[in-house]
Amino acid sequence: MKNKKWIHHLIKISLYALIFLIILMLILLSYRFIIQQQIKQQSAIIIENGGISELKEIHVNGDKQYILVEGQDKEKPFCLFLHGGPGSPFPYGVSARTLYPEITENCVAVYYDQRGSGKSFNKELSIDTMNLSQFTEDATIIVDYIREHYRQEKIFIIGLSFGTVIGTQLVSKYPEKFHAYVGISQITDITKGHELGYSWLQKEAITNNDEKTLRILEELGKGPYLAEEEDQFSDLIHQYKGMNYFDDTIEKVNLFGLIKGAFTSPDYSLLDLYKAFISGPQFSLVKSQELKKEIILTNFFETVKTIAIPVYIIHGKYDKQANYELSKQYYEMLDAPNGKEFITLQHSAHYPNKLDFTLINDTLKKMLEKY
């Protein structure tokens, strides 16, 4: 009898839980629908007032890839944003419709879900295509599409983290296609960054009597770190605020804020959401180990010593992931005959803090006003 009562009680709890989950799902889907309608209305207003807000499917090297083109004045300069990742199309991906009016006031923003990311992910992708050369070729086709379809002789290109790897290669190879390059959290030489990060972590761990971290560092050695070792090392960097800095006066970056547009995006189906958060990152970062290795072994000190267009590097001073000091050294070494500028984000590590958004946007605005 006791077992029967217990089973009956368990079934009852399970039914209540199921009903709760169904109600919660209906609430979330209703919320998603309402916000999607609001976004569509805002897009319609942008278009009515002489702007542009449209999703485009483009055939890229045998694959379908997607861009979102949005600007409050379609006569403004065009800026192609290359998101971080790879595999995670945030914050400047296709799900960004109406999210960044401070950007679209000053330019026509082209948000691009790269190969294996978000709306551009598909299960037919070959692992052999996940390499930096392919990513650069893909982005070149996107650039040429923008130039031809929207009648732009040149565009601006803005890379964030992994996007700076593709962006740096693009502007080095095809400077004639661009007005200027902006690198946010610029990657320069990750292997050297591992070396510097190791020394920094060691000092921090000693200061904090953190024997566990010291033990992990001893087991890891001084790098370079590949595969699981790189994940372990990045976790330590994150633990010591080298990716997301905060203190008594600076709040930690709310990572949910970076992806807030995805759930309510009218351009993302529920399947696209799954691809953006699950399929894309797993494929790009877990299965594509050769791509990960290629990124880690990138060294722009050796491969890109000159960029023939204006260069703006924007970097958080606490960044130990794409090391801030290395970024400064690269900037100083870089031959940029048409001008260069280095902007330090005083409140940020790898993830730009909201306290620095104004500085980033002001930098972009001033740059755009020159052309």
Protein backbone atom coordinates (compact mmCIF):
# COMPACT_ATOMS: atom_id res chain seq x y z
CA MET A 1 0.00 0.00 0.00
CA LYS A 2 2.78 2.40 0.88
CA ASN A 3 4.46 1.77 -2.50
CA LYS A 4 1.19 2.40 -4.34
CA LYS A 5 0.64 5.65 -2.47
CA TRP A 6 4.23 6.70 -3.20
CA ILE A 7 3.82 5.90 -6.93
CA HIS A 8 0.49 7.75 -7.04
CA HIS A 9 2.11 10.73 -5.32
CA LEU A 10 5.03 10.67 -7.77
CA ILE A 11 2.67 10.57 -10.77
CA LYS A 12 0.74 13.48 -9.33
CA ILE A 13 3.92 15.56 -8.92
CA SER A 14 5.04 14.66 -12.45
CA LEU A 15 1.71 15.80 -13.89
CA TYR A 16 1.89 19.08 -12.01
CA ALA A 17 5.44 19.60 -13.25
CA LEU A 18 4.38 18.84 -16.82
CA ILE A 19 1.45 21.26 -16.61
CA PHE A 20 3.78 23.93 -15.19
CA LEU A 21 6.28 23.42 -18.02
CA ILE A 22 3.52 23.61 -20.65
CA ILE A 23 2.19 26.85 -19.16
CA LEU A 24 5.69 28.30 -18.93
CA MET A 25 6.39 27.36 -22.56
CA LEU A 26 3.13 28.97 -23.70
CA ILE A 27 4.00 32.15 -21.79
CA LEU A 28 7.48 32.29 -23.33
CA LEU A 29 6.19 31.63 -26.85
CA SER A 30 3.50 34.29 -26.39
CA TYR A 31 6.13 36.75 -25.20
CA ARG A 32 8.32 35.84 -28.18
CA PHE A 33 5.43 36.41 -30.59
CA ILE A 34 4.52 39.80 -29.08
CA ILE A 35 8.11 41.10 -29.21
CA GLN A 36 8.56 39.77 -32.74
CA GLN A 37 5.55 41.80 -33.86
CA GLN A 38 7.00 44.90 -32.20
CA ILE A 39 10.32 44.37 -33.95
CA LYS A 40 8.59 43.94 -37.31
CA GLN A 41 6.72 47.20 -36.71
CA GLN A 42 9.97 49.00 -35.87
CA SER A 43 11.55 47.60 -39.04
CA ALA A 44 8.59 48.84 -41.10
CA ILE A 45 9.02 52.33 -39.61
CA ILE A 46 12.73 52.31 -40.48
CA ILE A 47 11.90 51.45 -44.09
CA GLU A 48 9.10 54.04 -44.30
CA ASN A 49 11.51 56.74 -43.11
CA GLY A 50 14.11 56.07 -45.80
CA GLY A 51 16.04 53.29 -44.11
CA ILE A 52 16.62 49.62 -44.77
CA SER A 53 15.88 46.51 -42.68
CA GLU A 54 16.02 43.20 -44.54
CA LEU A 55 17.20 39.61 -44.30
CA LYS A 56 19.15 38.20 -47.24
CA GLU A 57 20.00 34.60 -48.14
CA ILE A 58 23.24 34.34 -50.11
CA HIS A 59 24.78 31.33 -51.81
CA VAL A 60 28.35 31.13 -50.56
CA ASN A 61 30.75 28.44 -51.76
CA GLY A 62 27.99 25.84 -52.13
CA ASP A 63 26.31 26.85 -48.89
CA LYS A 64 23.41 29.11 -47.85
CA GLN A 65 24.47 31.91 -45.54
CA TYR A 66 22.52 34.83 -44.13
CA ILE A 67 22.98 38.52 -43.51
CA LEU A 68 20.72 41.11 -41.90
CA VAL A 69 21.04 44.58 -43.42
CA GLU A 70 19.76 47.45 -41.28
CA GLY A 71 20.24 51.20 -41.30
CA GLN A 72 18.04 54.16 -40.49
CA ASP A 73 19.36 55.93 -43.59
CA LYS A 74 20.20 53.64 -46.51
CA GLU A 75 22.50 56.31 -47.96
CA LYS A 76 24.90 55.98 -45.02
CA PRO A 77 28.16 53.96 -45.33
CA PHE A 78 27.92 50.18 -45.03
CA CYS A 79 29.62 48.34 -42.15
CA LEU A 80 30.09 44.56 -42.13
CA PHE A 81 30.22 43.09 -38.62
CA LEU A 82 32.10 39.83 -38.04
CA HIS A 83 30.96 38.21 -34.79
CA GLY A 84 33.09 36.17 -32.40
CA GLY A 85 32.96 32.45 -31.85
CA PRO A 86 33.37 30.56 -34.05
CA GLY A 87 29.91 28.98 -33.97
CA SER A 88 28.23 31.60 -31.74
CA PRO A 89 26.70 34.47 -33.77
CA PHE A 90 26.58 37.04 -30.96
CA PRO A 91 26.29 39.88 -30.42
CA TYR A 92 26.46 41.13 -34.02
CA GLY A 93 24.69 38.33 -35.89
CA VAL A 94 21.49 38.00 -37.90
CA SER A 95 19.37 38.03 -34.73
CA ALA A 96 20.31 41.70 -34.11
CA ARG A 97 17.37 43.34 -35.92
CA THR A 98 16.56 46.71 -34.22
CA LEU A 99 18.87 45.90 -31.25
CA TYR A 100 21.54 48.54 -31.90
CA PRO A 101 19.95 51.86 -32.96
CA GLU A 102 23.13 53.64 -31.84
CA ILE A 103 24.93 51.77 -34.63
CA THR A 104 22.25 51.98 -37.32
CA GLU A 105 21.91 55.74 -36.83
CA ASN A 106 25.41 56.19 -38.23
CA CYS A 107 25.75 53.43 -40.81
CA VAL A 108 24.00 50.61 -42.58
CA ALA A 109 24.97 47.63 -40.44
CA VAL A 110 25.40 44.24 -42.09
CA TYR A 111 25.14 41.50 -39.47
CA TYR A 112 26.42 38.17 -40.74
CA ASP A 113 25.96 34.64 -39.40
CA GLN A 114 29.23 33.02 -40.47
CA ARG A 115 29.77 29.44 -41.63
CA GLY A 116 28.54 26.99 -39.00
CA SER A 117 26.85 29.72 -36.93
CA GLY A 118 23.21 30.44 -36.18
CA LYS A 119 20.99 30.70 -39.22
CA SER A 120 23.92 29.81 -41.50
CA PHE A 121 24.48 26.44 -39.81
CA ASN A 122 23.24 23.32 -41.55
CA LYS A 123 23.89 19.66 -40.81
CA GLU A 124 25.25 19.05 -44.32
CA LEU A 125 28.35 21.17 -43.65
CA SER A 126 31.58 19.31 -44.19
CA ILE A 127 34.11 19.45 -41.38
CA ASP A 128 36.76 19.92 -44.08
CA THR A 129 35.36 23.38 -44.86
CA MET A 130 35.91 24.59 -41.31
CA ASN A 131 39.21 26.38 -41.76
CA LEU A 132 40.37 29.99 -41.77
CA SER A 133 40.93 30.08 -45.52
CA GLN A 134 37.31 29.04 -46.11
CA PHE A 135 35.99 31.58 -43.60
CA THR A 136 37.95 34.33 -45.35
CA GLU A 137 36.71 33.23 -48.78
CA ASP A 138 33.14 33.20 -47.46
CA ALA A 139 33.49 36.70 -46.05
CA THR A 140 34.99 37.90 -49.32
CA ILE A 141 31.87 36.75 -51.17
CA ILE A 142 29.70 38.56 -48.61
CA VAL A 143 31.80 41.72 -49.05
CA ASP A 144 31.50 41.56 -52.84
CA TYR A 145 27.76 40.95 -52.59
CA ILE A 146 27.35 44.08 -50.45
CA ARG A 147 29.49 46.15 -52.81
CA GLU A 148 27.65 44.99 -55.92
CA HIS A 149 24.06 44.67 -54.65
CA TYR A 150 24.07 47.92 -52.66
CA ARG A 151 26.39 49.81 -55.03
CA GLN A 152 29.17 50.45 -52.54
CA GLU A 153 32.68 50.94 -53.88
CA LYS A 154 34.11 50.30 -50.42
CA ILE A 155 32.75 49.30 -47.02
CA PHE A 156 33.91 49.34 -43.39
CA ILE A 157 34.68 46.09 -41.62
CA ILE A 158 34.36 45.54 -37.87
CA GLY A 159 35.58 42.34 -36.21
CA LEU A 160 34.99 41.15 -32.67
CA SER A 161 37.31 38.52 -31.11
CA PHE A 162 37.34 35.59 -33.60
CA GLY A 163 35.91 38.03 -36.14
CA THR A 164 39.19 39.98 -35.94
CA VAL A 165 41.04 36.94 -37.32
CA ILE A 166 38.89 36.96 -40.45
CA GLY A 167 38.77 40.75 -40.61
CA THR A 168 42.55 41.17 -40.38
CA GLN A 169 43.10 38.64 -43.16
CA LEU A 170 40.48 40.33 -45.35
CA VAL A 171 41.83 43.87 -45.11
CA SER A 172 45.39 42.64 -45.53
CA LYS A 173 44.49 40.75 -48.70
CA TYR A 174 41.90 43.13 -50.24
CA PRO A 175 42.52 46.66 -48.90
CA GLU A 176 40.95 48.18 -52.03
CA LYS A 177 37.53 46.93 -50.91
CA PHE A 178 37.49 48.74 -47.57
CA HIS A 179 37.44 52.24 -46.11
CA ALA A 180 38.83 51.17 -42.72
CA TYR A 181 39.16 48.27 -40.28
CA VAL A 182 38.05 48.10 -36.65
CA GLY A 183 39.26 45.27 -34.40
CA ILE A 184 37.45 44.88 -31.05
CA SER A 185 39.25 42.49 -28.66
CA GLN A 186 41.83 41.99 -31.40
CA ILE A 187 43.45 38.58 -31.66
CA THR A 188 47.16 38.80 -32.52
CA ASP A 189 49.13 35.77 -31.28
CA ILE A 190 47.23 33.36 -29.03
CA THR A 191 50.25 31.13 -28.42
CA LYS A 192 52.19 34.08 -26.99
CA GLY A 193 49.03 35.06 -25.14
CA HIS A 194 49.06 31.63 -23.48
CA GLU A 195 52.60 32.26 -22.30
CA LEU A 196 51.74 35.68 -20.86
CA GLY A 197 48.50 34.38 -19.40
CA TYR A 198 50.32 31.53 -17.68
CA SER A 199 52.67 33.95 -15.91
CA TRP A 200 49.78 36.23 -14.94
CA LEU A 201 47.68 33.35 -13.58
CA GLN A 202 50.65 32.02 -11.63
CA LYS A 203 51.17 35.39 -9.91
CA GLU A 204 47.45 35.74 -9.19
CA ALA A 205 47.24 32.21 -7.76
CA ILE A 206 50.29 32.78 -5.52
CA THR A 207 48.83 36.08 -4.27
CA ASN A 208 45.52 34.36 -3.48
CA ASN A 209 47.09 31.18 -2.04
CA ASP A 210 45.19 29.28 -4.69
CA GLU A 211 46.89 25.89 -4.59
CA LYS A 212 44.31 24.28 -6.88
CA THR A 213 45.06 26.72 -9.73
CA LEU A 214 48.81 26.35 -9.19
CA ARG A 215 48.44 22.59 -9.41
CA ILE A 216 46.42 22.82 -12.64
CA LEU A 217 48.98 25.20 -14.15
CA GLU A 218 51.80 22.83 -13.25
CA GLU A 219 49.95 19.96 -14.93
CA LEU A 220 49.21 22.04 -18.03
CA GLY A 221 52.73 23.36 -18.54
CA LYS A 222 53.35 26.59 -20.46
CA GLY A 223 51.52 25.77 -23.69
CA PRO A 224 50.52 26.35 -26.37
CA TYR A 225 47.25 24.78 -25.31
CA LEU A 226 45.13 22.81 -27.74
CA ALA A 227 41.88 20.82 -27.43
CA GLU A 228 40.84 20.18 -23.80
CA GLU A 229 43.93 21.91 -22.39
CA GLU A 230 42.86 25.14 -24.03
CA ASP A 231 39.41 24.83 -22.44
CA GLN A 232 41.01 24.32 -19.02
CA PHE A 233 43.28 27.32 -19.50
CA SER A 234 40.40 29.54 -20.65
CA ASP A 235 38.39 28.48 -17.60
CA LEU A 236 41.22 29.69 -15.37
CA ILE A 237 41.44 32.99 -17.29
CA HIS A 238 37.68 33.40 -16.82
CA GLN A 239 37.92 32.49 -13.12
CA TYR A 240 40.41 35.32 -12.57
CA LYS A 241 38.28 37.83 -14.52
CA GLY A 242 40.50 37.94 -17.59
CA MET A 243 37.47 37.51 -19.85
CA ASN A 244 34.70 39.24 -17.92
CA TYR A 245 36.11 41.83 -15.53
CA PHE A 246 34.31 43.19 -12.48
CA ASP A 247 35.18 44.77 -9.14
CA ASP A 248 33.53 46.93 -6.47
CA THR A 249 32.74 49.67 -8.97
CA ILE A 250 32.42 47.71 -12.23
CA GLU A 251 29.60 45.24 -12.79
CA LYS A 252 30.26 41.96 -14.57
CA VAL A 253 29.04 41.88 -18.17
CA ASN A 254 25.63 40.22 -18.31
CA LEU A 255 26.23 37.61 -21.01
CA PHE A 256 22.48 37.20 -21.41
CA GLY A 257 22.47 40.76 -22.70
CA LEU A 258 24.74 39.69 -25.58
CA ILE A 259 22.25 37.06 -26.72
CA LYS A 260 19.00 38.77 -25.72
CA GLY A 261 17.89 39.33 -29.30
CA ALA A 262 18.05 35.70 -30.36
CA PHE A 263 14.94 34.42 -28.58
CA THR A 264 12.73 37.25 -29.82
CA SER A 265 14.26 37.66 -33.27
CA PRO A 266 11.67 37.44 -36.07
CA ASP A 267 14.48 36.14 -38.28
CA TYR A 268 15.24 33.12 -36.07
CA SER A 269 12.98 30.08 -36.03
CA LEU A 270 13.05 27.78 -33.00
CA LEU A 271 15.34 25.53 -35.02
CA ASP A 272 17.65 28.49 -35.67
CA LEU A 273 17.79 29.07 -31.91
CA TYR A 274 18.88 25.48 -31.38
CA LYS A 275 21.54 25.90 -34.07
CA ALA A 276 22.78 29.15 -32.52
CA PHE A 277 23.12 27.77 -28.99
CA ILE A 278 23.79 24.05 -29.47
CA SER A 279 24.57 22.76 -32.97
CA GLY A 280 26.79 25.62 -34.15
CA PRO A 281 29.09 25.84 -31.10
CA GLN A 282 29.43 22.05 -30.86
CA PHE A 283 30.29 21.73 -34.54
CA SER A 284 32.63 24.73 -34.67
CA LEU A 285 34.44 24.36 -31.35
CA VAL A 286 34.21 20.68 -30.44
CA LYS A 287 34.14 18.75 -33.72
CA SER A 288 36.28 21.24 -35.69
CA GLN A 289 39.48 20.74 -33.70
CA GLU A 290 41.66 21.63 -36.68
CA LEU A 291 39.93 25.02 -36.93
CA LYS A 292 40.50 25.60 -33.24
CA LYS A 293 44.16 24.67 -33.63
CA GLU A 294 44.51 27.00 -36.62
CA ILE A 295 43.08 29.92 -34.63
CA ILE A 296 45.41 29.23 -31.69
CA LEU A 297 48.45 29.12 -33.99
CA THR A 298 47.53 32.40 -35.74
CA ASN A 299 50.35 34.94 -35.42
CA PHE A 300 49.72 38.29 -37.07
CA PHE A 301 53.08 39.58 -35.88
CA GLU A 302 54.53 37.33 -38.57
CA THR A 303 51.80 37.20 -41.22
CA VAL A 304 50.20 40.67 -41.30
CA LYS A 305 52.74 43.40 -40.71
CA THR A 306 51.14 46.03 -42.97
CA ILE A 307 47.54 47.12 -43.49
CA ALA A 308 47.08 49.69 -46.22
CA ILE A 309 43.87 51.24 -44.83
CA PRO A 310 43.11 53.10 -41.58
CA VAL A 311 43.10 50.77 -38.56
CA TYR A 312 41.26 51.17 -35.24
CA ILE A 313 41.96 48.69 -32.44
CA ILE A 314 39.59 48.77 -29.46
CA HIS A 315 40.63 46.63 -26.50
CA GLY A 316 39.72 46.08 -22.85
CA LYS A 317 42.69 46.66 -20.56
CA TYR A 318 41.87 43.62 -18.39
CA ASP A 319 41.68 41.21 -21.35
CA LYS A 320 43.87 38.14 -20.86
CA GLN A 321 42.07 35.98 -23.43
CA ALA A 322 43.07 38.03 -26.49
CA ASN A 323 45.86 39.61 -24.48
CA TYR A 324 45.62 43.42 -24.17
CA GLU A 325 49.38 43.97 -23.94
CA LEU A 326 49.95 41.88 -27.07
CA SER A 327 47.30 43.89 -28.88
CA LYS A 328 49.14 47.09 -27.98
CA GLN A 329 52.45 45.64 -29.13
CA TYR A 330 50.90 44.59 -32.42
CA TYR A 331 49.43 48.06 -32.90
CA GLU A 332 52.83 49.66 -32.30
CA MET A 333 54.53 47.27 -34.72
CA LEU A 334 51.85 47.51 -37.42
CA ASP A 335 52.69 49.57 -40.50
CA ALA A 336 49.46 51.46 -41.33
CA PRO A 337 50.44 54.26 -43.75
CA ASN A 338 46.88 55.63 -43.85
CA GLY A 339 46.62 56.00 -40.10
CA LYS A 340 45.94 53.96 -36.99
CA GLU A 341 44.44 54.50 -33.54
CA PHE A 342 44.39 52.43 -30.35
CA ILE A 343 41.46 52.85 -27.96
CA THR A 344 41.62 51.36 -24.45
CA LEU A 345 38.40 50.26 -22.75
CA GLN A 346 39.07 51.10 -19.12
CA HIS A 347 36.31 48.92 -17.64
CA SER A 348 36.51 45.83 -19.83
CA ALA A 349 38.29 42.52 -20.31
CA HIS A 350 37.51 40.38 -23.37
CA TYR A 351 33.79 41.13 -23.20
CA PRO A 352 33.19 44.87 -23.63
CA ASN A 353 31.54 46.28 -20.52
CA LYS A 354 28.41 48.42 -20.85
CA LEU A 355 30.38 51.29 -19.25
CA ASP A 356 32.55 51.29 -22.39
CA PHE A 357 29.78 51.04 -25.00
CA THR A 358 29.66 54.81 -25.37
CA LEU A 359 33.37 54.94 -26.16
CA ILE A 360 33.01 52.16 -28.74
CA ASN A 361 30.04 53.84 -30.40
CA ASP A 362 31.71 57.26 -30.34
CA THR A 363 34.80 55.77 -32.00
CA LEU A 364 32.67 54.20 -34.74
CA LYS A 365 30.75 57.45 -35.23
CA LYS A 366 33.91 59.57 -35.53
CA MET A 367 35.43 57.08 -37.95
CA LEU A 368 32.33 57.06 -40.14
CA GLU A 369 32.13 60.86 -40.21
CA LYS A 370 35.53 60.98 -41.92
CA TYR A 371 34.23 59.26 -45.05
